[in-house]
């Protein structure tokens, strides 16, 4: 019996299913309070569109080029906070664990989607 397309895709990209009792808050996350309106907007967006999976595939040369720009954007965290390397932009915010070329802003770099803290 062959796998369903969704199950095949999930296994191909390494999707893991965890029981919720195995999830723990990140002790380094400075966000403890969340505004209701942005969460409602996010909930509505996910219910309409779903969560779009990261489909970017880069060869080693492209990865090296991206990392060189990321190092210019943020020398301390060139792959984003926690080395996550996310390629994620939300309508209301760009998380700090995304690659810094997306959100960093300083005199030497202006991100594509700067964070407004």
N, C-alpha and C. Protein backbone atom coordinates (compact mmCIF):
# COMPACT_ATOMS: atom_id res chain seq x y z
N UNK A 1 0.85 -1.18 0.00
CA UNK A 1 0.00 0.00 0.00
C UNK A 1 0.89 1.24 0.00
N UNK A 2 0.65 2.20 -0.89
CA UNK A 2 1.45 3.41 -0.98
C UNK A 2 0.95 4.46 0.01
N UNK A 3 1.85 5.35 0.38
CA UNK A 3 1.50 6.43 1.31
C UNK A 3 0.67 7.49 0.60
N UNK A 4 -0.16 8.17 1.37
CA UNK A 4 -0.90 9.33 0.86
C UNK A 4 0.11 10.42 0.52
N UNK A 5 -0.18 11.31 -0.45
CA UNK A 5 0.77 12.37 -0.81
C UNK A 5 1.20 13.22 0.38
N UNK A 6 0.28 13.59 1.27
CA UNK A 6 0.64 14.42 2.42
C UNK A 6 1.60 13.68 3.34
N UNK A 7 1.36 12.40 3.58
CA UNK A 7 2.25 11.61 4.44
C UNK A 7 3.61 11.44 3.80
N UNK A 8 3.63 11.24 2.49
CA UNK A 8 4.89 11.11 1.76
C UNK A 8 5.70 12.40 1.84
N UNK A 9 5.03 13.53 1.65
CA UNK A 9 5.71 14.83 1.73
C UNK A 9 6.23 15.07 3.14
N UNK A 10 5.43 14.74 4.15
CA UNK A 10 5.85 14.94 5.54
C UNK A 10 7.08 14.11 5.86
N UNK A 11 7.13 12.88 5.40
CA UNK A 11 8.30 12.05 5.68
C UNK A 11 9.51 12.54 4.89
N UNK A 12 9.29 13.06 3.70
CA UNK A 12 10.41 13.53 2.86
C UNK A 12 11.09 14.76 3.46
N UNK A 13 10.32 15.65 4.09
CA UNK A 13 10.92 16.87 4.64
C UNK A 13 11.23 16.73 6.12
N UNK A 14 10.94 15.59 6.71
CA UNK A 14 11.32 15.35 8.09
C UNK A 14 10.35 15.93 9.11
N UNK A 15 9.07 15.96 8.82
CA UNK A 15 8.09 16.44 9.77
C UNK A 15 8.01 15.46 10.93
N UNK A 16 8.03 16.00 12.15
CA UNK A 16 7.94 15.16 13.34
C UNK A 16 6.66 15.48 14.08
N UNK A 17 6.06 14.48 14.62
CA UNK A 17 4.86 14.65 15.43
C UNK A 17 5.23 14.39 16.88
N UNK A 18 4.97 15.37 17.75
CA UNK A 18 5.30 15.26 19.17
C UNK A 18 4.04 15.41 20.00
N UNK A 19 3.92 14.62 21.05
CA UNK A 19 2.82 14.87 21.98
C UNK A 19 3.01 16.24 22.64
N UNK A 20 1.95 16.95 22.88
CA UNK A 20 2.06 18.30 23.44
C UNK A 20 2.73 18.31 24.81
N UNK A 21 2.68 17.20 25.55
CA UNK A 21 3.33 17.18 26.86
C UNK A 21 4.86 17.12 26.74
N UNK A 22 5.38 16.95 25.52
CA UNK A 22 6.82 16.98 25.30
C UNK A 22 7.32 18.36 24.83
N UNK A 23 6.41 19.31 24.66
CA UNK A 23 6.78 20.66 24.25
C UNK A 23 7.02 21.51 25.49
N UNK A 24 8.08 22.30 25.45
CA UNK A 24 8.44 23.17 26.57
C UNK A 24 8.75 24.56 26.05
N UNK A 25 8.46 25.54 26.87
CA UNK A 25 8.76 26.93 26.49
C UNK A 25 10.26 27.13 26.40
N UNK A 26 10.69 27.93 25.43
CA UNK A 26 12.09 28.29 25.29
C UNK A 26 12.45 29.25 26.42
N UNK A 27 13.38 28.90 27.30
CA UNK A 27 13.71 29.80 28.42
C UNK A 27 14.40 31.09 27.98
N UNK A 28 14.85 31.15 26.74
CA UNK A 28 15.52 32.35 26.23
C UNK A 28 14.59 33.26 25.44
N UNK A 29 13.33 32.91 25.34
CA UNK A 29 12.37 33.74 24.61
C UNK A 29 11.96 34.91 25.49
N UNK A 30 12.25 36.14 25.07
CA UNK A 30 11.90 37.29 25.92
C UNK A 30 10.41 37.61 25.90
N UNK A 31 9.67 37.03 24.98
CA UNK A 31 8.24 37.34 24.89
C UNK A 31 7.45 36.49 25.85
N UNK A 32 6.80 37.13 26.81
CA UNK A 32 5.97 36.42 27.77
C UNK A 32 4.51 36.81 27.63
N UNK A 33 4.27 38.00 27.15
CA UNK A 33 2.91 38.48 26.97
C UNK A 33 2.67 38.71 25.49
N UNK A 34 1.50 38.34 25.03
CA UNK A 34 1.18 38.47 23.62
C UNK A 34 -0.12 39.25 23.47
N UNK A 35 -0.14 40.20 22.55
CA UNK A 35 -1.34 40.97 22.30
C UNK A 35 -2.37 40.10 21.59
N UNK A 36 -3.62 40.25 22.00
CA UNK A 36 -4.70 39.43 21.45
C UNK A 36 -4.92 39.69 19.96
N UNK A 37 -4.92 40.95 19.53
CA UNK A 37 -5.23 41.26 18.13
C UNK A 37 -4.26 40.58 17.15
N UNK A 38 -2.93 40.69 17.31
CA UNK A 38 -2.04 39.99 16.37
C UNK A 38 -2.25 38.47 16.38
N UNK A 39 -2.54 37.90 17.54
CA UNK A 39 -2.79 36.46 17.58
C UNK A 39 -4.07 36.11 16.84
N UNK A 40 -5.08 36.96 16.95
CA UNK A 40 -6.32 36.73 16.22
C UNK A 40 -6.09 36.82 14.71
N UNK A 41 -5.28 37.81 14.30
CA UNK A 41 -4.96 37.96 12.88
C UNK A 41 -4.21 36.73 12.38
N UNK A 42 -3.23 36.26 13.16
CA UNK A 42 -2.47 35.07 12.79
C UNK A 42 -3.39 33.85 12.72
N UNK A 43 -4.26 33.68 13.69
CA UNK A 43 -5.20 32.55 13.70
C UNK A 43 -6.08 32.56 12.45
N UNK A 44 -6.59 33.74 12.11
CA UNK A 44 -7.45 33.88 10.93
C UNK A 44 -6.67 33.56 9.65
N UNK A 45 -5.44 34.05 9.56
CA UNK A 45 -4.61 33.80 8.39
C UNK A 45 -4.33 32.30 8.22
N UNK A 46 -3.99 31.64 9.32
CA UNK A 46 -3.70 30.21 9.25
C UNK A 46 -4.96 29.43 8.87
N UNK A 47 -6.12 29.86 9.40
CA UNK A 47 -7.35 29.14 9.07
C UNK A 47 -7.72 29.32 7.60
N UNK A 48 -7.40 30.49 7.01
CA UNK A 48 -7.72 30.74 5.60
C UNK A 48 -6.71 30.11 4.66
N UNK A 49 -5.42 30.30 4.96
CA UNK A 49 -4.36 29.93 4.02
C UNK A 49 -3.62 28.66 4.45
N UNK A 50 -3.60 28.39 5.73
CA UNK A 50 -2.80 27.28 6.25
C UNK A 50 -1.39 27.77 6.52
N UNK A 51 -0.54 26.88 6.92
CA UNK A 51 0.86 27.23 7.15
C UNK A 51 1.63 26.76 5.93
N UNK A 52 2.31 27.69 5.29
CA UNK A 52 3.05 27.36 4.08
C UNK A 52 4.42 26.83 4.46
N UNK A 53 4.76 25.66 3.99
CA UNK A 53 6.04 25.03 4.31
C UNK A 53 7.17 25.73 3.58
N UNK A 54 8.32 25.73 4.19
CA UNK A 54 9.51 26.28 3.57
C UNK A 54 9.91 25.36 2.41
N UNK A 55 9.85 25.89 1.22
CA UNK A 55 10.14 25.07 0.03
C UNK A 55 11.43 25.49 -0.66
N UNK A 56 12.24 26.30 0.00
CA UNK A 56 13.46 26.79 -0.63
C UNK A 56 14.55 25.72 -0.57
N UNK A 57 15.15 25.47 -1.70
CA UNK A 57 16.27 24.53 -1.78
C UNK A 57 17.42 25.27 -2.44
N UNK A 58 18.56 25.30 -1.77
CA UNK A 58 19.72 26.02 -2.27
C UNK A 58 20.88 25.06 -2.44
N UNK A 59 21.67 25.27 -3.49
CA UNK A 59 22.88 24.47 -3.62
C UNK A 59 23.95 25.07 -2.70
N UNK A 60 25.09 24.41 -2.57
CA UNK A 60 26.10 24.86 -1.60
C UNK A 60 26.63 26.26 -1.93
N UNK A 61 26.81 26.57 -3.20
CA UNK A 61 27.26 27.92 -3.57
C UNK A 61 26.26 28.99 -3.16
N UNK A 62 24.99 28.71 -3.38
CA UNK A 62 23.94 29.66 -2.97
C UNK A 62 23.90 29.81 -1.44
N UNK A 63 24.05 28.69 -0.73
CA UNK A 63 24.07 28.75 0.74
C UNK A 63 25.24 29.61 1.22
N UNK A 64 26.42 29.44 0.60
CA UNK A 64 27.59 30.24 0.98
C UNK A 64 27.36 31.73 0.73
N UNK A 65 26.75 32.05 -0.40
CA UNK A 65 26.45 33.45 -0.71
C UNK A 65 25.47 34.04 0.29
N UNK A 66 24.41 33.31 0.59
CA UNK A 66 23.42 33.78 1.57
C UNK A 66 24.09 33.97 2.92
N UNK A 67 24.90 33.02 3.36
CA UNK A 67 25.56 33.13 4.65
C UNK A 67 26.51 34.32 4.69
N UNK A 68 27.17 34.63 3.58
CA UNK A 68 28.07 35.80 3.58
C UNK A 68 27.27 37.09 3.78
N UNK A 69 26.10 37.20 3.16
CA UNK A 69 25.25 38.37 3.38
C UNK A 69 24.70 38.38 4.80
N UNK A 70 24.31 37.20 5.29
CA UNK A 70 23.78 37.12 6.66
C UNK A 70 24.84 37.55 7.67
N UNK A 71 26.10 37.21 7.41
CA UNK A 71 27.18 37.61 8.31
C UNK A 71 27.37 39.12 8.31
N UNK A 72 27.13 39.76 7.17
CA UNK A 72 27.19 41.22 7.12
C UNK A 72 26.03 41.84 7.87
N UNK A 73 24.87 41.19 7.78
CA UNK A 73 23.67 41.73 8.43
C UNK A 73 23.72 41.56 9.94
N UNK A 74 24.30 40.46 10.42
CA UNK A 74 24.38 40.20 11.86
C UNK A 74 25.56 39.29 12.12
N UNK A 75 26.66 39.88 12.60
CA UNK A 75 27.88 39.11 12.83
C UNK A 75 27.72 38.09 13.95
N UNK A 76 26.93 38.41 14.97
CA UNK A 76 26.76 37.50 16.12
C UNK A 76 25.84 36.32 15.82
N UNK A 77 24.81 36.55 15.02
CA UNK A 77 23.82 35.50 14.72
C UNK A 77 23.55 35.43 13.21
N UNK A 78 24.54 35.03 12.41
CA UNK A 78 24.34 35.05 10.95
C UNK A 78 23.26 34.09 10.46
N UNK A 79 22.92 33.09 11.26
CA UNK A 79 21.85 32.15 10.88
C UNK A 79 20.58 32.41 11.68
N UNK A 80 20.50 33.56 12.31
CA UNK A 80 19.35 33.87 13.15
C UNK A 80 19.55 33.35 14.56
N UNK A 81 18.72 33.82 15.47
CA UNK A 81 18.84 33.43 16.86
C UNK A 81 18.69 31.91 16.98
N UNK A 82 19.57 31.31 17.75
CA UNK A 82 19.52 29.87 17.94
C UNK A 82 19.97 29.07 16.72
N UNK A 83 20.61 29.76 15.75
CA UNK A 83 21.07 29.11 14.52
C UNK A 83 19.92 28.46 13.76
N UNK A 84 18.69 28.99 13.92
CA UNK A 84 17.51 28.37 13.31
C UNK A 84 17.50 28.49 11.79
N UNK A 85 17.95 29.63 11.26
CA UNK A 85 17.99 29.80 9.81
C UNK A 85 16.63 29.82 9.14
N UNK A 86 15.63 30.30 9.86
CA UNK A 86 14.28 30.32 9.29
C UNK A 86 14.16 31.27 8.11
N UNK A 87 13.31 30.93 7.19
CA UNK A 87 12.94 31.79 6.07
C UNK A 87 11.46 32.10 6.25
N UNK A 88 11.16 32.94 7.23
CA UNK A 88 9.78 33.18 7.62
C UNK A 88 9.53 34.66 7.84
N UNK A 89 8.49 35.17 7.24
CA UNK A 89 8.05 36.54 7.45
C UNK A 89 6.55 36.49 7.69
N UNK A 90 6.11 37.06 8.80
CA UNK A 90 4.68 37.13 9.09
C UNK A 90 4.18 38.53 8.73
N UNK A 91 2.90 38.67 8.55
CA UNK A 91 2.33 39.96 8.16
C UNK A 91 2.63 41.04 9.19
N UNK A 92 2.71 40.67 10.45
CA UNK A 92 2.87 41.67 11.50
C UNK A 92 4.25 41.66 12.14
N UNK A 93 5.14 40.73 11.78
CA UNK A 93 6.42 40.62 12.47
C UNK A 93 7.36 39.69 11.71
N UNK A 94 8.65 39.91 11.84
CA UNK A 94 9.64 38.98 11.34
C UNK A 94 10.38 38.42 12.55
N UNK A 95 10.25 37.13 12.84
CA UNK A 95 10.88 36.57 14.04
C UNK A 95 12.40 36.69 14.01
N UNK A 96 13.01 36.79 15.20
CA UNK A 96 14.46 36.97 15.26
C UNK A 96 15.24 35.69 14.95
N UNK A 97 14.56 34.56 14.80
CA UNK A 97 15.28 33.35 14.42
C UNK A 97 15.27 33.12 12.91
N UNK A 98 14.76 34.11 12.16
CA UNK A 98 14.90 34.06 10.71
C UNK A 98 16.29 34.54 10.34
N UNK A 99 16.69 34.27 9.11
CA UNK A 99 18.02 34.75 8.69
C UNK A 99 18.01 36.28 8.74
N UNK A 100 19.09 36.89 9.21
CA UNK A 100 19.08 38.33 9.47
C UNK A 100 18.98 39.23 8.24
N UNK A 101 19.25 38.71 7.04
CA UNK A 101 19.08 39.59 5.88
C UNK A 101 17.62 40.00 5.73
N UNK A 102 16.72 39.26 6.36
CA UNK A 102 15.30 39.61 6.28
C UNK A 102 14.91 40.72 7.24
N UNK A 103 15.53 40.79 8.43
CA UNK A 103 15.03 41.72 9.45
C UNK A 103 16.04 42.67 10.05
N UNK A 104 17.34 42.42 9.93
CA UNK A 104 18.33 43.29 10.57
C UNK A 104 18.30 44.70 10.00
N UNK A 105 18.51 45.65 10.86
CA UNK A 105 18.56 47.05 10.41
C UNK A 105 19.59 47.79 11.27
N UNK A 106 20.63 48.26 10.62
CA UNK A 106 21.65 49.09 11.27
C UNK A 106 22.33 49.91 10.19
N UNK A 107 23.33 50.68 10.55
CA UNK A 107 23.90 51.61 9.57
C UNK A 107 24.54 50.93 8.36
N UNK A 108 24.92 49.66 8.49
CA UNK A 108 25.54 48.94 7.38
C UNK A 108 24.57 48.00 6.65
N UNK A 109 23.35 47.86 7.18
CA UNK A 109 22.43 46.90 6.58
C UNK A 109 20.99 47.32 6.80
N UNK A 110 20.17 47.18 5.77
CA UNK A 110 18.72 47.41 5.90
C UNK A 110 18.01 46.16 5.42
N UNK A 111 17.38 45.46 6.35
CA UNK A 111 16.69 44.22 6.03
C UNK A 111 15.50 44.44 5.11
N UNK A 112 15.08 43.38 4.46
CA UNK A 112 13.93 43.46 3.57
C UNK A 112 12.62 43.70 4.33
N UNK A 113 12.54 43.14 5.54
CA UNK A 113 11.35 43.25 6.39
C UNK A 113 11.82 43.62 7.80
N UNK A 114 12.28 44.87 8.01
CA UNK A 114 12.86 45.21 9.31
C UNK A 114 11.87 45.07 10.46
N UNK A 115 12.41 44.69 11.59
CA UNK A 115 11.61 44.59 12.82
C UNK A 115 11.46 45.99 13.39
N UNK A 116 10.34 46.27 13.96
CA UNK A 116 10.11 47.57 14.58
C UNK A 116 9.85 47.35 16.04
N UNK A 117 10.93 47.27 16.83
CA UNK A 117 10.81 47.02 18.28
C UNK A 117 10.48 48.28 19.03
